[in-house]
Amino acid sequence: MTSRESGQEVLHVIPGFGSDGTLRGAERVASEILRGLENSEEWRPGLCVFRDPDPVDRSHGLRSCPVFLGYKGRDSDIEMAAGCVPRLRALIKRLQPRIVHSHLWPAAFAAGLAVLGTSVSHVIHIHDQRLWIVSKSAKHRCRRIIQRFVMALTQPWFIACSKASAVYCNGLVRRSDRGRLRVIYSGVPVEQLADIRHEERDNVVTGFAGALSSEKGPGDAIRAFAVSSRRLQNVVMLIAGSGNQEKDLRGLASELGVGDKVRFLGPVRDMKSFYRSIDILLFPSRNEGLPLTVLEAMAAGRAIIASKVGGICEAITDGREGFLVNPDDIETIVAVLSRLLIDKTLRQETGERARLKAQKNFRVDEMINQCFAFYRNILSRDRSA
């Protein structure tokens, strides 16, 4: 048996893995860690996906073959657990992983039930800051009680993508378990983006990248662009992504008189080309953990306007690596975007500072190394328990 075959199995568990040939934030983080596992002699990678495969790209560059459970219901803790736990438990029994690493809370709940009564260590990866974790509604309080009950039985470990996300989950993670939580910043392939430089072009291009849903703020981005570009001829906005609001957003752009300046690209697989095509990233999201879009734009040296939410404030110092605004504050977004559209030097100087910070703090290889160190710590602690 080779060292590769004798490595310790780490099974990643996630609700879905790709749509229209692209991966979303948590899926991309999982795929990068899995690629690191594939290239390691210390570990053996596994991936269990609750939903069907992405018909455009089944494995998204992974060499190891994901296991798809074909779940077709909602992303609900109870429904997803009922549909997936028996098969996930059977998969765990067959693969005998040392660690199950789950992404997103519905998968964390199902994985917790699946490892119950086994010696498998469970790692819950916290990618965002969901309302139900702090809401006072009866429905959300009930969800927290059930989630805490399962976690009390399984004693999971936690990775938070940012300090802000770790603090946000204090009400869910028991005080006695906070020593089992590690902040590991999400990473991006900065080397692949490092050669993007500022190009001379006829237009100044603003970009938005993300799901076309109200949570990500694409409507606010279009509104701010419409006002900021009113007196400028050589400005364009590119929107990368898909979602259920696309038709409404197209209508909004037309209604505001910028239908000819706002271009909807749909799902974009080659994000490097997207960042090369823009001068400014506008990301007025309302809820984030640590968005990869912002980190990639930093690594590409682009000027950034982003919401003052979640871990974005840990990545960007306002006025230095970019500009931070409050969610829904269109007036401030307009003021900052107007400055950036006409001030090339300001765009380039903030972009270069952002590039340097991304290279220092948000490297994908550092994220992988820290995850592996955390795995080793977990296994050594669980052995001695």
Protein backbone atom coordinates (compact mmCIF):
# COMPACT_ATOMS: atom_id res chain seq x y z
CA MET A 1 0.00 0.00 0.00
CA THR A 2 1.42 3.40 -1.00
CA SER A 3 1.47 6.43 1.31
CA ARG A 4 -1.19 7.98 -0.94
CA GLU A 5 -3.50 5.00 -0.43
CA SER A 6 -2.88 4.93 3.30
CA GLY A 7 -3.67 8.63 3.83
CA GLN A 8 -6.40 9.58 6.25
CA GLU A 9 -9.77 10.16 4.59
CA VAL A 10 -11.43 13.57 4.84
CA LEU A 11 -14.97 13.60 3.48
CA HIS A 12 -16.38 16.99 2.50
CA VAL A 13 -20.16 17.34 2.54
CA ILE A 14 -22.07 20.12 0.78
CA PRO A 15 -25.66 20.65 -0.45
CA GLY A 16 -24.77 21.42 -4.09
CA PHE A 17 -21.67 21.62 -6.25
CA GLY A 18 -22.02 23.98 -9.17
CA SER A 19 -24.61 25.48 -11.48
CA ASP A 20 -24.24 26.49 -15.13
CA GLY A 21 -20.58 25.51 -15.01
CA THR A 22 -19.70 27.81 -12.10
CA LEU A 23 -19.20 27.35 -8.37
CA ARG A 24 -20.50 29.69 -5.69
CA GLY A 25 -18.52 30.86 -2.66
CA ALA A 26 -18.74 27.92 -0.25
CA GLU A 27 -18.50 25.46 -3.14
CA ARG A 28 -15.33 27.14 -4.38
CA VAL A 29 -13.75 27.06 -0.93
CA ALA A 30 -14.58 23.35 -0.65
CA SER A 31 -13.14 22.66 -4.12
CA GLU A 32 -9.86 24.41 -3.29
CA ILE A 33 -9.44 22.43 -0.06
CA LEU A 34 -10.27 19.23 -1.94
CA ARG A 35 -7.63 20.02 -4.56
CA GLY A 36 -5.15 20.45 -1.75
CA LEU A 37 -6.18 17.05 -0.37
CA GLU A 38 -5.73 15.49 -3.81
CA ASN A 39 -2.16 16.78 -3.95
CA SER A 40 -1.28 15.56 -0.46
CA GLU A 41 0.14 12.21 0.55
CA GLU A 42 -1.13 12.71 4.09
CA TRP A 43 -4.85 12.75 3.24
CA ARG A 44 -7.40 11.07 0.99
CA PRO A 45 -10.18 13.34 -0.33
CA GLY A 46 -13.87 12.56 -0.61
CA LEU A 47 -16.84 14.70 -1.59
CA CYS A 48 -20.52 14.01 -0.95
CA VAL A 49 -22.96 16.33 -2.72
CA PHE A 50 -26.61 16.12 -1.68
CA ARG A 51 -28.05 17.39 -4.98
CA ASP A 52 -27.59 16.24 -8.58
CA PRO A 53 -24.38 17.12 -10.44
CA ASP A 54 -24.04 20.30 -12.45
CA PRO A 55 -24.87 19.13 -16.02
CA VAL A 56 -22.31 21.57 -17.46
CA ASP A 57 -19.39 20.40 -15.31
CA ARG A 58 -19.78 17.39 -13.06
CA SER A 59 -16.51 17.56 -11.10
CA HIS A 60 -15.32 21.17 -11.63
CA GLY A 61 -11.70 20.16 -12.05
CA LEU A 62 -11.48 17.64 -9.20
CA ARG A 63 -9.69 14.38 -9.92
CA SER A 64 -11.59 12.51 -7.23
CA CYS A 65 -15.13 11.50 -8.17
CA PRO A 66 -17.87 13.18 -6.09
CA VAL A 67 -20.76 11.11 -4.77
CA PHE A 68 -24.14 12.68 -5.60
CA LEU A 69 -27.21 11.73 -3.55
CA GLY A 70 -29.81 13.20 -5.93
CA TYR A 71 -31.69 15.18 -3.27
CA LYS A 72 -34.34 17.42 -4.88
CA GLY A 73 -36.02 19.12 -1.91
CA ARG A 74 -35.47 22.47 -0.21
CA ASP A 75 -32.35 23.57 1.63
CA SER A 76 -34.13 22.91 4.92
CA ASP A 77 -32.34 21.28 7.87
CA ILE A 78 -35.09 18.74 8.56
CA GLU A 79 -36.03 17.96 4.96
CA MET A 80 -32.44 17.64 3.82
CA ALA A 81 -31.55 15.47 6.79
CA ALA A 82 -34.53 13.18 6.17
CA GLY A 83 -33.58 12.81 2.51
CA CYS A 84 -29.82 12.45 2.89
CA VAL A 85 -28.75 11.16 6.32
CA PRO A 86 -29.30 7.41 5.69
CA ARG A 87 -27.23 7.44 2.47
CA LEU A 88 -24.61 9.73 3.97
CA ARG A 89 -24.30 7.45 6.96
CA ALA A 90 -23.87 4.45 4.65
CA LEU A 91 -21.18 6.33 2.71
CA ILE A 92 -19.36 7.17 5.94
CA LYS A 93 -19.49 3.52 6.96
CA ARG A 94 -18.03 2.48 3.59
CA LEU A 95 -15.29 5.12 3.33
CA GLN A 96 -14.48 5.28 7.06
CA PRO A 97 -13.22 8.88 7.02
CA ARG A 98 -11.42 10.27 10.03
CA ILE A 99 -13.02 13.68 9.47
CA VAL A 100 -16.28 14.85 7.91
CA HIS A 101 -15.99 18.51 6.86
CA SER A 102 -19.41 20.05 6.15
CA HIS A 103 -20.18 23.31 4.36
CA LEU A 104 -23.34 25.41 4.91
CA TRP A 105 -25.74 24.85 7.79
CA PRO A 106 -28.25 22.38 6.25
CA ALA A 107 -25.33 20.09 5.36
CA ALA A 108 -23.86 20.61 8.84
CA PHE A 109 -27.10 19.46 10.46
CA ALA A 110 -27.34 16.35 8.26
CA ALA A 111 -23.65 15.52 8.72
CA GLY A 112 -24.01 15.87 12.49
CA LEU A 113 -26.79 13.29 12.51
CA ALA A 114 -24.83 11.02 10.15
CA VAL A 115 -21.73 10.90 12.39
CA LEU A 116 -23.77 10.45 15.58
CA GLY A 117 -22.53 7.43 17.51
CA THR A 118 -19.35 7.07 15.44
CA SER A 119 -15.74 8.02 16.16
CA VAL A 120 -15.66 10.38 13.16
CA SER A 121 -14.72 14.00 13.89
CA HIS A 122 -17.07 16.60 12.41
CA VAL A 123 -15.85 20.01 11.19
CA ILE A 124 -18.51 22.66 10.48
CA HIS A 125 -17.31 25.36 8.08
CA ILE A 126 -19.05 28.70 8.71
CA HIS A 127 -19.21 30.66 5.46
CA ASP A 128 -21.81 33.33 6.14
CA GLN A 129 -23.95 35.20 8.66
CA ARG A 130 -27.52 33.91 8.33
CA LEU A 131 -30.48 35.64 9.95
CA TRP A 132 -31.73 32.52 11.75
CA ILE A 133 -28.60 32.45 13.94
CA VAL A 134 -29.60 35.70 15.70
CA SER A 135 -33.31 36.12 14.92
CA LYS A 136 -35.82 36.21 17.79
CA SER A 137 -38.63 34.60 15.80
CA ALA A 138 -40.07 31.36 17.20
CA LYS A 139 -39.17 29.46 14.01
CA HIS A 140 -35.54 30.51 14.17
CA ARG A 141 -35.25 29.92 17.92
CA CYS A 142 -36.53 26.39 17.33
CA ARG A 143 -33.96 25.83 14.60
CA ARG A 144 -31.16 26.95 16.92
CA ILE A 145 -32.35 24.65 19.70
CA ILE A 146 -32.38 21.63 17.39
CA GLN A 147 -28.99 22.50 15.88
CA ARG A 148 -27.46 23.01 19.36
CA PHE A 149 -28.90 19.68 20.54
CA VAL A 150 -27.20 17.77 17.70
CA MET A 151 -23.93 19.67 18.23
CA ALA A 152 -24.02 18.90 21.96
CA LEU A 153 -24.15 15.19 21.11
CA THR A 154 -21.43 15.21 18.43
CA GLN A 155 -19.09 17.95 19.77
CA PRO A 156 -18.05 19.29 16.37
CA TRP A 157 -15.13 21.54 15.51
CA PHE A 158 -15.62 24.81 13.65
CA ILE A 159 -13.86 26.81 10.95
CA ALA A 160 -15.07 30.39 10.46
CA CYS A 161 -14.14 32.20 7.25
CA SER A 162 -13.67 35.49 9.13
CA LYS A 163 -13.52 36.87 12.67
CA ALA A 164 -16.85 38.59 12.09
CA SER A 165 -18.52 35.28 11.20
CA ALA A 166 -17.04 33.64 14.31
CA VAL A 167 -18.43 36.40 16.55
CA TYR A 168 -21.79 36.31 14.77
CA CYS A 169 -22.18 32.62 15.65
CA ASN A 170 -21.47 33.09 19.38
CA GLY A 171 -25.15 32.64 20.10
CA LEU A 172 -25.19 29.28 18.34
CA VAL A 173 -21.84 27.80 19.35
CA ARG A 174 -21.81 26.93 23.05
CA ARG A 175 -19.38 28.92 25.16
CA SER A 176 -17.63 25.69 26.15
CA ASP A 177 -17.09 24.83 22.46
CA ARG A 178 -15.56 28.13 21.37
CA GLY A 179 -12.10 26.72 21.97
CA ARG A 180 -12.94 24.27 19.17
CA LEU A 181 -13.38 27.11 16.67
CA ARG A 182 -10.60 28.35 14.38
CA VAL A 183 -10.73 31.41 12.10
CA ILE A 184 -9.23 30.50 8.73
CA TYR A 185 -9.61 33.19 6.12
CA SER A 186 -10.93 32.06 2.76
CA GLY A 187 -8.25 32.16 0.11
CA VAL A 188 -8.07 32.81 -3.62
CA PRO A 189 -5.42 31.84 -6.21
CA VAL A 190 -3.58 35.14 -6.07
CA GLU A 191 -0.80 33.92 -8.41
CA GLN A 192 -3.32 33.40 -11.22
CA LEU A 193 -4.57 36.97 -10.82
CA ALA A 194 -1.21 38.61 -10.15
CA ASP A 195 -0.41 39.33 -13.79
CA ILE A 196 -3.55 41.40 -14.34
CA ARG A 197 -2.49 44.98 -14.79
CA HIS A 198 -4.30 48.22 -15.55
CA GLU A 199 -5.00 48.48 -19.26
CA GLU A 200 -5.66 51.52 -21.42
CA ARG A 201 -9.18 51.39 -22.81
CA ASP A 202 -11.80 53.73 -24.18
CA ASN A 203 -14.31 53.06 -21.39
CA VAL A 204 -14.13 53.04 -17.60
CA VAL A 205 -15.76 49.76 -16.59
CA THR A 206 -17.62 49.06 -13.36
CA GLY A 207 -18.29 45.42 -12.53
CA PHE A 208 -20.61 43.45 -10.29
CA ALA A 209 -20.18 39.69 -9.74
CA GLY A 210 -22.47 37.48 -7.71
CA ALA A 211 -25.89 35.88 -7.55
CA LEU A 212 -28.61 38.11 -8.98
CA SER A 213 -30.63 38.16 -5.76
CA SER A 214 -31.64 41.00 -3.45
CA GLU A 215 -29.20 39.78 -0.77
CA LYS A 216 -26.20 40.59 -2.98
CA GLY A 217 -27.44 44.07 -3.89
CA PRO A 218 -27.23 44.09 -7.73
CA GLY A 219 -30.18 46.50 -7.88
CA ASP A 220 -28.34 48.98 -5.68
CA ALA A 221 -25.28 48.60 -7.89
CA ILE A 222 -27.31 49.47 -10.99
CA ARG A 223 -29.01 52.43 -9.28
CA ALA A 224 -25.69 53.87 -8.11
CA PHE A 225 -24.14 53.37 -11.53
CA ALA A 226 -27.09 55.07 -13.24
CA VAL A 227 -26.68 58.23 -11.14
CA SER A 228 -22.87 58.27 -11.22
CA SER A 229 -22.70 57.81 -14.98
CA ARG A 230 -25.37 60.38 -15.84
CA ARG A 231 -22.91 63.01 -17.12
CA LEU A 232 -20.28 60.57 -18.41
CA GLN A 233 -20.23 59.04 -21.86
CA ASN A 234 -17.37 56.55 -21.63
CA VAL A 235 -18.64 54.31 -18.81
CA VAL A 236 -19.94 50.74 -18.88
CA MET A 237 -21.15 48.26 -16.28
CA LEU A 238 -20.63 44.48 -16.56
CA ILE A 239 -22.74 42.13 -14.45
CA ALA A 240 -21.49 38.56 -14.02
CA GLY A 241 -23.86 36.01 -12.53
CA SER A 242 -27.34 34.59 -12.77
CA GLY A 243 -30.38 34.47 -10.56
CA ASN A 244 -34.11 34.92 -10.30
CA GLN A 245 -33.91 38.72 -10.45
CA GLU A 246 -32.20 39.00 -13.81
CA LYS A 247 -35.34 39.97 -15.72
CA ASP A 248 -36.24 42.64 -13.14
CA LEU A 249 -32.68 43.99 -13.14
CA ARG A 250 -32.67 44.32 -16.91
CA GLY A 251 -35.92 46.22 -16.63
CA LEU A 252 -34.45 48.44 -13.90
CA ALA A 253 -31.43 49.33 -16.03
CA SER A 254 -33.70 50.24 -18.93
CA GLU A 255 -36.03 52.26 -16.70
CA LEU A 256 -33.07 54.25 -15.31
CA GLY A 257 -31.82 55.03 -18.79
CA VAL A 258 -28.67 52.88 -18.70
CA GLY A 259 -29.94 49.83 -20.54
CA ASP A 260 -27.33 50.42 -23.23
CA LYS A 261 -24.51 50.77 -20.68
CA VAL A 262 -25.28 47.78 -18.42
CA ARG A 263 -24.31 44.44 -19.93
CA PHE A 264 -25.46 41.14 -18.40
CA LEU A 265 -22.87 38.43 -18.96
CA GLY A 266 -24.68 35.52 -17.30
CA PRO A 267 -22.60 32.86 -15.48
CA VAL A 268 -18.90 33.54 -16.08
CA ARG A 269 -16.46 30.64 -15.87
CA ASP A 270 -13.35 32.66 -16.72
CA MET A 271 -13.37 35.16 -13.86
CA LYS A 272 -9.79 36.21 -14.60
CA SER A 273 -10.99 37.71 -17.88
CA PHE A 274 -13.82 39.43 -16.03
CA TYR A 275 -11.46 41.15 -13.60
CA ARG A 276 -9.17 42.10 -16.47
CA SER A 277 -12.17 43.73 -18.18
CA ILE A 278 -13.18 45.97 -15.26
CA ASP A 279 -11.63 48.92 -13.44
CA ILE A 280 -13.94 49.03 -10.40
CA LEU A 281 -15.76 46.29 -8.50
CA LEU A 282 -19.06 47.43 -6.98
CA PHE A 283 -20.33 44.94 -4.40
CA PRO A 284 -23.14 46.41 -2.21
CA SER A 285 -24.11 43.10 -0.58
CA ARG A 286 -26.31 42.96 2.52
CA ASN A 287 -25.00 39.73 4.06
CA GLU A 288 -21.53 38.19 3.76
CA GLY A 289 -18.99 36.02 5.50
CA LEU A 290 -15.88 36.79 3.44
CA PRO A 291 -16.83 37.01 -0.27
CA LEU A 292 -14.37 35.53 -2.74
CA THR A 293 -15.42 38.14 -5.30
CA VAL A 294 -13.92 40.89 -3.14
CA LEU A 295 -10.75 38.90 -2.45
CA GLU A 296 -10.26 38.12 -6.15
CA ALA A 297 -10.79 41.77 -7.13
CA MET A 298 -8.17 42.70 -4.51
CA ALA A 299 -5.72 40.16 -5.94
CA ALA A 300 -6.39 41.55 -9.42
CA GLY A 301 -5.59 45.07 -8.21
CA ARG A 302 -9.03 46.49 -8.88
CA ALA A 303 -10.59 49.44 -7.05
CA ILE A 304 -13.40 48.18 -4.83
CA ILE A 305 -16.55 49.62 -3.30
CA ALA A 306 -18.11 47.09 -0.94
CA SER A 307 -20.58 46.94 1.92
CA LYS A 308 -19.41 47.27 5.48
CA VAL A 309 -20.62 43.76 6.42
CA GLY A 310 -19.07 40.54 7.70
CA GLY A 311 -15.42 39.88 6.99
CA ILE A 312 -15.20 42.51 4.26
CA CYS A 313 -14.12 44.96 6.98
CA GLU A 314 -11.21 42.62 7.79
CA ALA A 315 -10.10 42.54 4.15
CA ILE A 316 -10.49 46.23 3.34
CA THR A 317 -9.54 49.27 5.37
CA ASP A 318 -11.82 52.07 4.21
CA GLY A 319 -9.94 54.49 1.98
CA ARG A 320 -6.85 52.30 1.77
CA GLU A 321 -7.49 48.99 -0.07
CA GLY A 322 -10.95 50.09 -1.16
CA PHE A 323 -14.02 51.91 0.05
CA LEU A 324 -16.63 50.65 2.54
CA VAL A 325 -20.26 51.76 2.57
CA ASN A 326 -23.30 50.84 4.62
CA PRO A 327 -25.77 48.48 2.92
CA ASP A 328 -28.57 50.35 1.09
CA ASP A 329 -26.68 53.67 1.31
CA ILE A 330 -27.06 54.57 -2.35
CA GLU A 331 -26.05 58.20 -1.78
CA THR A 332 -22.62 57.26 -0.42
CA ILE A 333 -22.09 54.61 -3.11
CA VAL A 334 -22.85 57.25 -5.75
CA ALA A 335 -20.39 59.71 -4.20
CA VAL A 336 -17.53 57.17 -4.07
CA LEU A 337 -18.25 55.66 -7.48
CA SER A 338 -18.38 59.12 -9.05
CA ARG A 339 -14.89 59.86 -7.69
CA LEU A 340 -13.47 56.58 -8.94
CA LEU A 341 -15.00 56.90 -12.40
CA ILE A 342 -13.13 60.16 -13.05
CA ASP A 343 -9.95 59.64 -10.99
CA LYS A 344 -7.69 57.07 -12.64
CA THR A 345 -4.88 57.60 -10.12
CA LEU A 346 -7.18 56.90 -7.19
CA ARG A 347 -8.41 53.71 -8.86
CA GLN A 348 -4.92 52.43 -9.46
CA GLU A 349 -3.41 53.37 -6.10
CA THR A 350 -6.18 51.71 -4.04
CA GLY A 351 -6.11 48.71 -6.36
CA GLU A 352 -2.38 48.18 -5.90
CA ARG A 353 -2.69 48.38 -2.11
CA ALA A 354 -5.49 45.82 -2.33
CA ARG A 355 -3.31 43.53 -4.46
CA LEU A 356 -0.51 43.58 -1.88
CA LYS A 357 -2.89 42.80 0.98
CA ALA A 358 -4.47 39.89 -0.89
CA GLN A 359 -1.04 38.43 -1.65
CA LYS A 360 -0.14 38.64 2.03
CA ASN A 361 -3.38 37.56 3.76
CA PHE A 362 -5.71 35.70 1.38
CA ARG A 363 -3.69 33.06 -0.43
CA VAL A 364 -5.46 29.81 -1.20
CA ASP A 365 -2.35 27.76 -0.31
CA GLU A 366 -2.30 29.35 3.15
CA MET A 367 -5.99 28.51 3.65
CA ILE A 368 -5.27 24.89 2.72
CA ASN A 369 -2.22 24.65 4.99
CA GLN A 370 -4.18 26.04 7.93
CA CYS A 371 -7.01 23.57 7.31
CA PHE A 372 -4.56 20.67 7.29
CA ALA A 373 -2.96 21.91 10.51
CA PHE A 374 -6.43 22.10 12.05
CA TYR A 375 -7.20 18.54 10.92
CA ARG A 376 -4.01 17.31 12.60
CA ASN A 377 -4.88 19.15 15.79
CA ILE A 378 -8.37 17.66 15.80
CA LEU A 379 -7.12 14.11 15.35
CA SER A 380 -4.45 14.48 18.03
CA ARG A 381 -6.96 15.99 20.48
CA ASP A 382 -9.62 13.37 19.74
CA ARG A 383 -7.09 10.55 20.22
CA SER A 384 -6.13 11.86 23.65
CA ALA A 385 -9.72 12.54 24.75
